[in-house]
Amino acid sequence: MALFLDPPPPAARPEPELTAAEGPWGGPTYSYRGARIECGKGGHVCGLFLKGHPLDRQTFGVVGTITPMVDLWLDEGRLPRHMRAVPKGER
């Protein structure tokens, strides 16, 4: 008998769906939970397009960097802790 229960598995998330092998930025375009993710050639720099998301139209790294931010925003209405604004004077 174990003292601690195993944590439940994380909720299954859909995979980003490739919608164009070569989109407007020269790289792949993906759809993920209502967001559009545009990538440059090579797929190393991608932009998030999700109306209402505070980081809409910002660029990041690869697709795998963006999808957790979409999940957190849609599921909990927040950004990752390291991306939250800190009011001046609380630093």
PDB file of N, CA and C in Angstrom:
ATOM      1  N   MET A   1       0.840  -1.176   0.000  1.00  0.00           N
ATOM      2  CA  MET A   1       0.000   0.000   0.000  1.00  0.00           C
ATOM      3  C   MET A   1       0.887   1.242   0.000  1.00  0.00           C
ATOM      4  N   ALA A   2       0.645   2.128  -0.930  1.00  0.00           N
ATOM      5  CA  ALA A   2       1.438   3.355  -1.052  1.00  0.00           C
ATOM      6  C   ALA A   2       0.881   4.434  -0.125  1.00  0.00           C
ATOM      7  N   LEU A   3       1.774   5.245   0.396  1.00  0.00           N
ATOM      8  CA  LEU A   3       1.351   6.352   1.250  1.00  0.00           C
ATOM      9  C   LEU A   3       0.695   7.468   0.454  1.00  0.00           C
ATOM     10  N   PHE A   4       1.161   7.657  -0.767  1.00  0.00           N
ATOM     11  CA  PHE A   4       0.639   8.738  -1.594  1.00  0.00           C
ATOM     12  C   PHE A   4       0.018   8.164  -2.857  1.00  0.00           C
ATOM     13  N   LEU A   5      -1.095   8.720  -3.245  1.00  0.00           N
ATOM     14  CA  LEU A   5      -1.721   8.309  -4.485  1.00  0.00           C
ATOM     15  C   LEU A   5      -0.985   8.936  -5.657  1.00  0.00           C
ATOM     16  N   ASP A   6      -0.964   8.225  -6.766  1.00  0.00           N
ATOM     17  CA  ASP A   6      -0.387   8.809  -7.978  1.00  0.00           C
ATOM     18  C   ASP A   6      -1.269   9.959  -8.424  1.00  0.00           C
ATOM     19  N   PRO A   7      -0.644  11.058  -8.864  1.00  0.00           N
ATOM     20  CA  PRO A   7      -1.461  12.174  -9.340  1.00  0.00           C
ATOM     21  C   PRO A   7      -2.215  11.760 -10.600  1.00  0.00           C
ATOM     22  N   PRO A   8      -3.365  12.360 -10.808  1.00  0.00           N
ATOM     23  CA  PRO A   8      -4.109  12.013 -12.011  1.00  0.00           C
ATOM     24  C   PRO A   8      -3.337  12.451 -13.250  1.00  0.00           C
ATOM     25  N   PRO A   9      -3.522  11.754 -14.363  1.00  0.00           N
ATOM     26  CA  PRO A   9      -2.815  12.166 -15.583  1.00  0.00           C
ATOM     27  C   PRO A   9      -3.331  13.527 -16.036  1.00  0.00           C
ATOM     28  N   PRO A  10      -2.466  14.317 -16.669  1.00  0.00           N
ATOM     29  CA  PRO A  10      -2.931  15.627 -17.145  1.00  0.00           C
ATOM     30  C   PRO A  10      -4.027  15.447 -18.185  1.00  0.00           C
ATOM     31  N   ALA A  11      -4.916  16.425 -18.243  1.00  0.00           N
ATOM     32  CA  ALA A  11      -6.015  16.355 -19.203  1.00  0.00           C
ATOM     33  C   ALA A  11      -5.440  16.255 -20.612  1.00  0.00           C
ATOM     34  N   ALA A  12      -6.030  15.411 -21.389  1.00  0.00           N
ATOM     35  CA  ALA A  12      -5.566  15.243 -22.761  1.00  0.00           C
ATOM     36  C   ALA A  12      -5.801  16.539 -23.536  1.00  0.00           C
ATOM     37  N   ARG A  13      -4.801  16.977 -24.207  1.00  0.00           N
ATOM     38  CA  ARG A  13      -4.881  18.191 -25.008  1.00  0.00           C
ATOM     39  C   ARG A  13      -4.804  17.804 -26.476  1.00  0.00           C
ATOM     40  N   PRO A  14      -5.509  18.540 -27.318  1.00  0.00           N
ATOM     41  CA  PRO A  14      -5.386  18.251 -28.742  1.00  0.00           C
ATOM     42  C   PRO A  14      -4.000  18.668 -29.242  1.00  0.00           C
ATOM     43  N   GLU A  15      -3.590  18.086 -30.320  1.00  0.00           N
ATOM     44  CA  GLU A  15      -2.348  18.485 -30.961  1.00  0.00           C
ATOM     45  C   GLU A  15      -2.640  19.677 -31.871  1.00  0.00           C
ATOM     46  N   PRO A  16      -1.683  20.579 -32.050  1.00  0.00           N
ATOM     47  CA  PRO A  16      -1.900  21.648 -33.019  1.00  0.00           C
ATOM     48  C   PRO A  16      -2.137  21.035 -34.403  1.00  0.00           C
ATOM     49  N   GLU A  17      -3.099  21.582 -35.122  1.00  0.00           N
ATOM     50  CA  GLU A  17      -3.428  21.058 -36.445  1.00  0.00           C
ATOM     51  C   GLU A  17      -2.731  21.903 -37.512  1.00  0.00           C
ATOM     52  N   LEU A  18      -1.950  21.256 -38.346  1.00  0.00           N
ATOM     53  CA  LEU A  18      -1.267  21.940 -39.433  1.00  0.00           C
ATOM     54  C   LEU A  18      -2.314  22.353 -40.463  1.00  0.00           C
ATOM     55  N   THR A  19      -2.433  23.654 -40.711  1.00  0.00           N
ATOM     56  CA  THR A  19      -3.422  24.130 -41.683  1.00  0.00           C
ATOM     57  C   THR A  19      -2.765  24.558 -42.989  1.00  0.00           C
ATOM     58  N   ALA A  20      -1.467  24.853 -42.959  1.00  0.00           N
ATOM     59  CA  ALA A  20      -0.722  25.182 -44.175  1.00  0.00           C
ATOM     60  C   ALA A  20       0.747  24.854 -43.946  1.00  0.00           C
ATOM     61  N   ALA A  21       1.346  24.140 -44.878  1.00  0.00           N
ATOM     62  CA  ALA A  21       2.762  23.810 -44.765  1.00  0.00           C
ATOM     63  C   ALA A  21       3.624  25.058 -44.938  1.00  0.00           C
ATOM     64  N   GLU A  22       3.129  26.002 -45.760  1.00  0.00           N
ATOM     65  CA  GLU A  22       3.835  27.270 -45.945  1.00  0.00           C
ATOM     66  C   GLU A  22       2.808  28.388 -45.892  1.00  0.00           C
ATOM     67  N   GLY A  23       2.740  29.038 -44.754  1.00  0.00           N
ATOM     68  CA  GLY A  23       1.784  30.123 -44.550  1.00  0.00           C
ATOM     69  C   GLY A  23       2.371  31.470 -44.914  1.00  0.00           C
ATOM     70  N   PRO A  24       1.712  32.550 -44.504  1.00  0.00           N
ATOM     71  CA  PRO A  24       2.146  33.902 -44.855  1.00  0.00           C
ATOM     72  C   PRO A  24       3.547  34.278 -44.362  1.00  0.00           C
ATOM     73  N   TRP A  25       4.005  33.653 -43.299  1.00  0.00           N
ATOM     74  CA  TRP A  25       5.329  33.975 -42.766  1.00  0.00           C
ATOM     75  C   TRP A  25       6.430  33.100 -43.351  1.00  0.00           C
ATOM     76  N   GLY A  26       6.073  32.212 -44.288  1.00  0.00           N
ATOM     77  CA  GLY A  26       7.054  31.352 -44.935  1.00  0.00           C
ATOM     78  C   GLY A  26       7.230  29.991 -44.290  1.00  0.00           C
ATOM     79  N   GLY A  27       6.633  29.785 -43.130  1.00  0.00           N
ATOM     80  CA  GLY A  27       6.706  28.501 -42.441  1.00  0.00           C
ATOM     81  C   GLY A  27       5.317  27.956 -42.228  1.00  0.00           C
ATOM     82  N   PRO A  28       5.190  26.934 -41.424  1.00  0.00           N
ATOM     83  CA  PRO A  28       3.882  26.313 -41.206  1.00  0.00           C
ATOM     84  C   PRO A  28       2.913  27.212 -40.433  1.00  0.00           C
ATOM     85  N   THR A  29       1.637  26.987 -40.668  1.00  0.00           N
ATOM     86  CA  THR A  29       0.556  27.639 -39.931  1.00  0.00           C
ATOM     87  C   THR A  29      -0.236  26.550 -39.237  1.00  0.00           C
ATOM     88  N   TYR A  30      -0.573  26.791 -37.975  1.00  0.00           N
ATOM     89  CA  TYR A  30      -1.318  25.817 -37.181  1.00  0.00           C
ATOM     90  C   TYR A  30      -2.587  26.438 -36.622  1.00  0.00           C
ATOM     91  N   SER A  31      -3.517  25.563 -36.312  1.00  0.00           N
ATOM     92  CA  SER A  31      -4.725  25.936 -35.587  1.00  0.00           C
ATOM     93  C   SER A  31      -4.689  25.161 -34.279  1.00  0.00           C
ATOM     94  N   TYR A  32      -4.967  25.857 -33.171  1.00  0.00           N
ATOM     95  CA  TYR A  32      -4.954  25.187 -31.864  1.00  0.00           C
ATOM     96  C   TYR A  32      -5.975  25.836 -30.953  1.00  0.00           C
ATOM     97  N   ARG A  33      -7.031  25.128 -30.639  1.00  0.00           N
ATOM     98  CA  ARG A  33      -8.074  25.559 -29.715  1.00  0.00           C
ATOM     99  C   ARG A  33      -8.594  26.972 -30.017  1.00  0.00           C
ATOM    100  N   GLY A  34      -8.765  27.272 -31.280  1.00  0.00           N
ATOM    101  CA  GLY A  34      -9.284  28.574 -31.683  1.00  0.00           C
ATOM    102  C   GLY A  34      -8.210  29.608 -31.963  1.00  0.00           C
ATOM    103  N   ALA A  35      -6.978  29.289 -31.678  1.00  0.00           N
ATOM    104  CA  ALA A  35      -5.867  30.196 -31.960  1.00  0.00           C
ATOM    105  C   ALA A  35      -5.248  29.843 -33.307  1.00  0.00           C
ATOM    106  N   ARG A  36      -4.672  30.840 -33.943  1.00  0.00           N
ATOM    107  CA  ARG A  36      -3.877  30.613 -35.142  1.00  0.00           C
ATOM    108  C   ARG A  36      -2.427  30.855 -34.753  1.00  0.00           C
ATOM    109  N   ILE A  37      -1.560  29.983 -35.182  1.00  0.00           N
ATOM    110  CA  ILE A  37      -0.138  30.108 -34.891  1.00  0.00           C
ATOM    111  C   ILE A  37       0.599  30.150 -36.225  1.00  0.00           C
ATOM    112  N   GLU A  38       1.218  31.289 -36.510  1.00  0.00           N
ATOM    113  CA  GLU A  38       1.975  31.493 -37.745  1.00  0.00           C
ATOM    114  C   GLU A  38       3.456  31.359 -37.427  1.00  0.00           C
ATOM    115  N   CYS A  39       4.164  30.579 -38.231  1.00  0.00           N
ATOM    116  CA  CYS A  39       5.596  30.390 -38.001  1.00  0.00           C
ATOM    117  C   CYS A  39       6.411  30.863 -39.192  1.00  0.00           C
ATOM    118  N   GLY A  40       7.598  31.340 -38.899  1.00  0.00           N
ATOM    119  CA  GLY A  40       8.540  31.709 -39.939  1.00  0.00           C
ATOM    120  C   GLY A  40       9.173  30.464 -40.517  1.00  0.00           C
ATOM    121  N   LYS A  41       9.958  30.651 -41.558  1.00  0.00           N
ATOM    122  CA  LYS A  41      10.661  29.529 -42.186  1.00  0.00           C
ATOM    123  C   LYS A  41      11.453  28.761 -41.132  1.00  0.00           C
ATOM    124  N   GLY A  42      11.329  27.481 -41.132  1.00  0.00           N
ATOM    125  CA  GLY A  42      12.018  26.645 -40.158  1.00  0.00           C
ATOM    126  C   GLY A  42      11.206  26.404 -38.893  1.00  0.00           C
ATOM    127  N   GLY A  43      10.184  27.202 -38.650  1.00  0.00           N
ATOM    128  CA  GLY A  43       9.302  26.999 -37.506  1.00  0.00           C
ATOM    129  C   GLY A  43       9.898  27.331 -36.155  1.00  0.00           C
ATOM    130  N   HIS A  44      10.977  28.134 -36.136  1.00  0.00           N
ATOM    131  CA  HIS A  44      11.630  28.446 -34.863  1.00  0.00           C
ATOM    132  C   HIS A  44      11.103  29.716 -34.201  1.00  0.00           C
ATOM    133  N   VAL A  45      10.445  30.560 -34.968  1.00  0.00           N
ATOM    134  CA  VAL A  45       9.817  31.769 -34.434  1.00  0.00           C
ATOM    135  C   VAL A  45       8.372  31.754 -34.896  1.00  0.00           C
ATOM    136  N   CYS A  46       7.441  31.774 -33.931  1.00  0.00           N
ATOM    137  CA  CYS A  46       6.022  31.690 -34.262  1.00  0.00           C
ATOM    138  C   CYS A  46       5.254  32.796 -33.548  1.00  0.00           C
ATOM    139  N   GLY A  47       4.162  33.196 -34.154  1.00  0.00           N
ATOM    140  CA  GLY A  47       3.318  34.233 -33.584  1.00  0.00           C
ATOM    141  C   GLY A  47       1.978  33.673 -33.168  1.00  0.00           C
ATOM    142  N   LEU A  48       1.445  34.199 -32.089  1.00  0.00           N
ATOM    143  CA  LEU A  48       0.143  33.805 -31.560  1.00  0.00           C
ATOM    144  C   LEU A  48      -0.919  34.785 -32.029  1.00  0.00           C
ATOM    145  N   PHE A  49      -2.005  34.267 -32.545  1.00  0.00           N
ATOM    146  CA  PHE A  49      -3.137  35.087 -32.962  1.00  0.00           C
ATOM    147  C   PHE A  49      -4.385  34.509 -32.304  1.00  0.00           C
ATOM    148  N   LEU A  50      -4.824  35.152 -31.231  1.00  0.00           N
ATOM    149  CA  LEU A  50      -6.000  34.708 -30.490  1.00  0.00           C
ATOM    150  C   LEU A  50      -6.668  35.947 -29.898  1.00  0.00           C
ATOM    151  N   LYS A  51      -7.761  36.351 -30.504  1.00  0.00           N
ATOM    152  CA  LYS A  51      -8.462  37.553 -30.070  1.00  0.00           C
ATOM    153  C   LYS A  51      -8.798  37.452 -28.579  1.00  0.00           C
ATOM    154  N   GLY A  52      -8.484  38.515 -27.854  1.00  0.00           N
ATOM    155  CA  GLY A  52      -8.755  38.563 -26.423  1.00  0.00           C
ATOM    156  C   GLY A  52      -7.587  38.125 -25.562  1.00  0.00           C
ATOM    157  N   HIS A  53      -6.635  37.397 -26.130  1.00  0.00           N
ATOM    158  CA  HIS A  53      -5.457  36.970 -25.364  1.00  0.00           C
ATOM    159  C   HIS A  53      -4.526  38.171 -25.232  1.00  0.00           C
ATOM    160  N   PRO A  54      -3.995  38.442 -24.032  1.00  0.00           N
ATOM    161  CA  PRO A  54      -3.125  39.608 -23.856  1.00  0.00           C
ATOM    162  C   PRO A  54      -1.868  39.569 -24.723  1.00  0.00           C
ATOM    163  N   LEU A  55      -1.478  38.400 -25.183  1.00  0.00           N
ATOM    164  CA  LEU A  55      -0.274  38.273 -26.010  1.00  0.00           C
ATOM    165  C   LEU A  55      -0.608  38.044 -27.477  1.00  0.00           C
ATOM    166  N   ASP A  56      -1.840  38.381 -27.857  1.00  0.00           N
ATOM    167  CA  ASP A  56      -2.261  38.279 -29.249  1.00  0.00           C
ATOM    168  C   ASP A  56      -1.302  39.084 -30.127  1.00  0.00           C
ATOM    169  N   ARG A  57      -0.858  38.467 -31.218  1.00  0.00           N
ATOM    170  CA  ARG A  57       0.023  39.089 -32.215  1.00  0.00           C
ATOM    171  C   ARG A  57       1.464  39.260 -31.728  1.00  0.00           C
ATOM    172  N   GLN A  58       1.848  38.545 -30.703  1.00  0.00           N
ATOM    173  CA  GLN A  58       3.232  38.566 -30.228  1.00  0.00           C
ATOM    174  C   GLN A  58       3.960  37.345 -30.766  1.00  0.00           C
ATOM    175  N   THR A  59       5.271  37.431 -30.882  1.00  0.00           N
ATOM    176  CA  THR A  59       6.061  36.303 -31.363  1.00  0.00           C
ATOM    177  C   THR A  59       6.787  35.623 -30.208  1.00  0.00           C
ATOM    178  N   PHE A  60       6.976  34.327 -30.389  1.00  0.00           N
ATOM    179  CA  PHE A  60       7.627  33.483 -29.387  1.00  0.00           C
ATOM    180  C   PHE A  60       8.515  32.492 -30.116  1.00  0.00           C
ATOM    181  N   GLY A  61       8.887  31.442 -29.444  1.00  0.00           N
ATOM    182  CA  GLY A  61       9.675  30.378 -30.054  1.00  0.00           C
ATOM    183  C   GLY A  61       8.795  29.428 -30.846  1.00  0.00           C
ATOM    184  N   VAL A  62       9.047  28.171 -30.703  1.00  0.00           N
ATOM    185  CA  VAL A  62       8.357  27.131 -31.453  1.00  0.00           C
ATOM    186  C   VAL A  62       6.903  26.977 -31.012  1.00  0.00           C
ATOM    187  N   VAL A  63       6.132  26.222 -31.775  1.00  0.00           N
ATOM    188  CA  VAL A  63       4.712  25.995 -31.496  1.00  0.00           C
ATOM    189  C   VAL A  63       4.501  25.480 -30.074  1.00  0.00           C
ATOM    190  N   GLY A  64       5.369  24.585 -29.618  1.00  0.00           N
ATOM    191  CA  GLY A  64       5.248  24.020 -28.279  1.00  0.00           C
ATOM    192  C   GLY A  64       5.407  25.032 -27.163  1.00  0.00           C
ATOM    193  N   THR A  65       5.933  26.203 -27.461  1.00  0.00           N
ATOM    194  CA  THR A  65       6.027  27.288 -26.486  1.00  0.00           C
ATOM    195  C   THR A  65       4.697  28.016 -26.363  1.00  0.00           C
ATOM    196  N   ILE A  66       3.963  28.063 -27.457  1.00  0.00           N
ATOM    197  CA  ILE A  66       2.721  28.828 -27.511  1.00  0.00           C
ATOM    198  C   ILE A  66       1.523  28.046 -26.988  1.00  0.00           C
ATOM    199  N   THR A  67       1.436  26.767 -27.300  1.00  0.00           N
ATOM    200  CA  THR A  67       0.238  26.004 -26.924  1.00  0.00           C
ATOM    201  C   THR A  67      -0.043  25.993 -25.423  1.00  0.00           C
ATOM    202  N   PRO A  68       0.956  25.897 -24.537  1.00  0.00           N
ATOM    203  CA  PRO A  68       0.630  25.963 -23.103  1.00  0.00           C
ATOM    204  C   PRO A  68       0.060  27.317 -22.677  1.00  0.00           C
ATOM    205  N   MET A  69       0.495  28.394 -23.350  1.00  0.00           N
ATOM    206  CA  MET A  69      -0.052  29.716 -23.024  1.00  0.00           C
ATOM    207  C   MET A  69      -1.509  29.816 -23.452  1.00  0.00           C
ATOM    208  N   VAL A  70      -1.850  29.186 -24.567  1.00  0.00           N
ATOM    209  CA  VAL A  70      -3.240  29.153 -25.025  1.00  0.00           C
ATOM    210  C   VAL A  70      -4.067  28.350 -24.020  1.00  0.00           C
ATOM    211  N   ASP A  71      -3.562  27.182 -23.621  1.00  0.00           N
ATOM    212  CA  ASP A  71      -4.279  26.336 -22.654  1.00  0.00           C
ATOM    213  C   ASP A  71      -4.537  27.080 -21.349  1.00  0.00           C
ATOM    214  N   LEU A  72      -3.514  27.703 -20.813  1.00  0.00           N
ATOM    215  CA  LEU A  72      -3.645  28.405 -19.533  1.00  0.00           C
ATOM    216  C   LEU A  72      -4.651  29.543 -19.631  1.00  0.00           C
ATOM    217  N   TRP A  73      -4.631  30.264 -20.740  1.00  0.00           N
ATOM    218  CA  TRP A  73      -5.553  31.373 -20.918  1.00  0.00           C
ATOM    219  C   TRP A  73      -6.989  30.871 -21.060  1.00  0.00           C
ATOM    220  N   LEU A  74      -7.198  29.864 -21.889  1.00  0.00           N
ATOM    221  CA  LEU A  74      -8.552  29.361 -22.116  1.00  0.00           C
ATOM    222  C   LEU A  74      -9.107  28.615 -20.903  1.00  0.00           C
ATOM    223  N   ASP A  75      -8.248  27.895 -20.202  1.00  0.00           N
ATOM    224  CA  ASP A  75      -8.711  27.097 -19.057  1.00  0.00           C
ATOM    225  C   ASP A  75      -8.820  27.889 -17.759  1.00  0.00           C
ATOM    226  N   GLU A  76      -7.895  28.836 -17.561  1.00  0.00           N
ATOM    227  CA  GLU A  76      -7.839  29.528 -16.271  1.00  0.00           C
ATOM    228  C   GLU A  76      -7.876  31.050 -16.378  1.00  0.00           C
ATOM    229  N   GLY A  77      -7.847  31.578 -17.609  1.00  0.00           N
ATOM    230  CA  GLY A  77      -7.903  33.021 -17.796  1.00  0.00           C
ATOM    231  C   GLY A  77      -6.690  33.764 -17.275  1.00  0.00           C
ATOM    232  N   ARG A  78      -5.534  33.113 -17.356  1.00  0.00           N
ATOM    233  CA  ARG A  78      -4.327  33.773 -16.856  1.00  0.00           C
ATOM    234  C   ARG A  78      -3.117  33.439 -17.721  1.00  0.00           C
ATOM    235  N   LEU A  79      -2.059  34.183 -17.483  1.00  0.00           N
ATOM    236  CA  LEU A  79      -0.783  33.959 -18.145  1.00  0.00           C
ATOM    237  C   LEU A  79       0.118  33.141 -17.235  1.00  0.00           C
ATOM    238  N   PRO A  80       1.194  32.577 -17.787  1.00  0.00           N
ATOM    239  CA  PRO A  80       2.161  31.898 -16.921  1.00  0.00           C
ATOM    240  C   PRO A  80       2.719  32.883 -15.897  1.00  0.00           C
ATOM    241  N   ARG A  81       3.057  32.393 -14.732  1.00  0.00           N
ATOM    242  CA  ARG A  81       3.538  33.243 -13.635  1.00  0.00           C
ATOM    243  C   ARG A  81       4.685  34.154 -14.078  1.00  0.00           C
ATOM    244  N   HIS A  82       5.613  33.638 -14.869  1.00  0.00           N
ATOM    245  CA  HIS A  82       6.769  34.442 -15.276  1.00  0.00           C
ATOM    246  C   HIS A  82       6.417  35.546 -16.273  1.00  0.00           C
ATOM    247  N   MET A  83       5.191  35.562 -16.782  1.00  0.00           N
ATOM    248  CA  MET A  83       4.784  36.588 -17.747  1.00  0.00           C
ATOM    249  C   MET A  83       3.810  37.599 -17.158  1.00  0.00           C
ATOM    250  N   ARG A  84       3.524  37.504 -15.904  1.00  0.00           N
ATOM    251  CA  ARG A  84       2.582  38.441 -15.287  1.00  0.00           C
ATOM    252  C   ARG A  84       3.257  39.778 -15.038  1.00  0.00           C
ATOM    253  N   ALA A  85       2.489  40.827 -15.202  1.00  0.00           N
ATOM    254  CA  ALA A  85       3.001  42.173 -14.940  1.00  0.00           C
ATOM    255  C   ALA A  85       3.102  42.402 -13.443  1.00  0.00           C
ATOM    256  N   VAL A  86       4.141  43.062 -13.035  1.00  0.00           N
ATOM    257  CA  VAL A  86       4.323  43.427 -11.636  1.00  0.00           C
ATOM    258  C   VAL A  86       4.168  44.939 -11.541  1.00  0.00           C
ATOM    259  N   PRO A  87       3.184  45.409 -10.773  1.00  0.00           N
ATOM    260  CA  PRO A  87       3.003  46.859 -10.645  1.00  0.00           C
ATOM    261  C   PRO A  87       4.269  47.529 -10.136  1.00  0.00           C
ATOM    262  N   LYS A  88       4.537  48.732 -10.643  1.00  0.00           N
ATOM    263  CA  LYS A  88       5.716  49.482 -10.241  1.00  0.00           C
ATOM    264  C   LYS A  88       5.708  49.662  -8.725  1.00  0.00           C
ATOM    265  N   GLY A  89       6.844  49.479  -8.102  1.00  0.00           N
ATOM    266  CA  GLY A  89       6.937  49.631  -6.662  1.00  0.00           C
ATOM    267  C   GLY A  89       6.878  48.298  -5.933  1.00  0.00           C
ATOM    268  N   GLU A  90       6.465  47.222  -6.614  1.00  0.00           N
ATOM    269  CA  GLU A  90       6.410  45.897  -5.986  1.00  0.00           C
ATOM    270  C   GLU A  90       7.543  45.013  -6.432  1.00  0.00           C
ATOM    271  N   ARG A  91       8.513  45.567  -7.118  1.00  0.00           N
ATOM    272  CA  ARG A  91       9.626  44.771  -7.638  1.00  0.00           C
ATOM    273  C   ARG A  91      10.677  44.549  -6.597  1.00  0.00           C
TER     274      ARG A  91
END
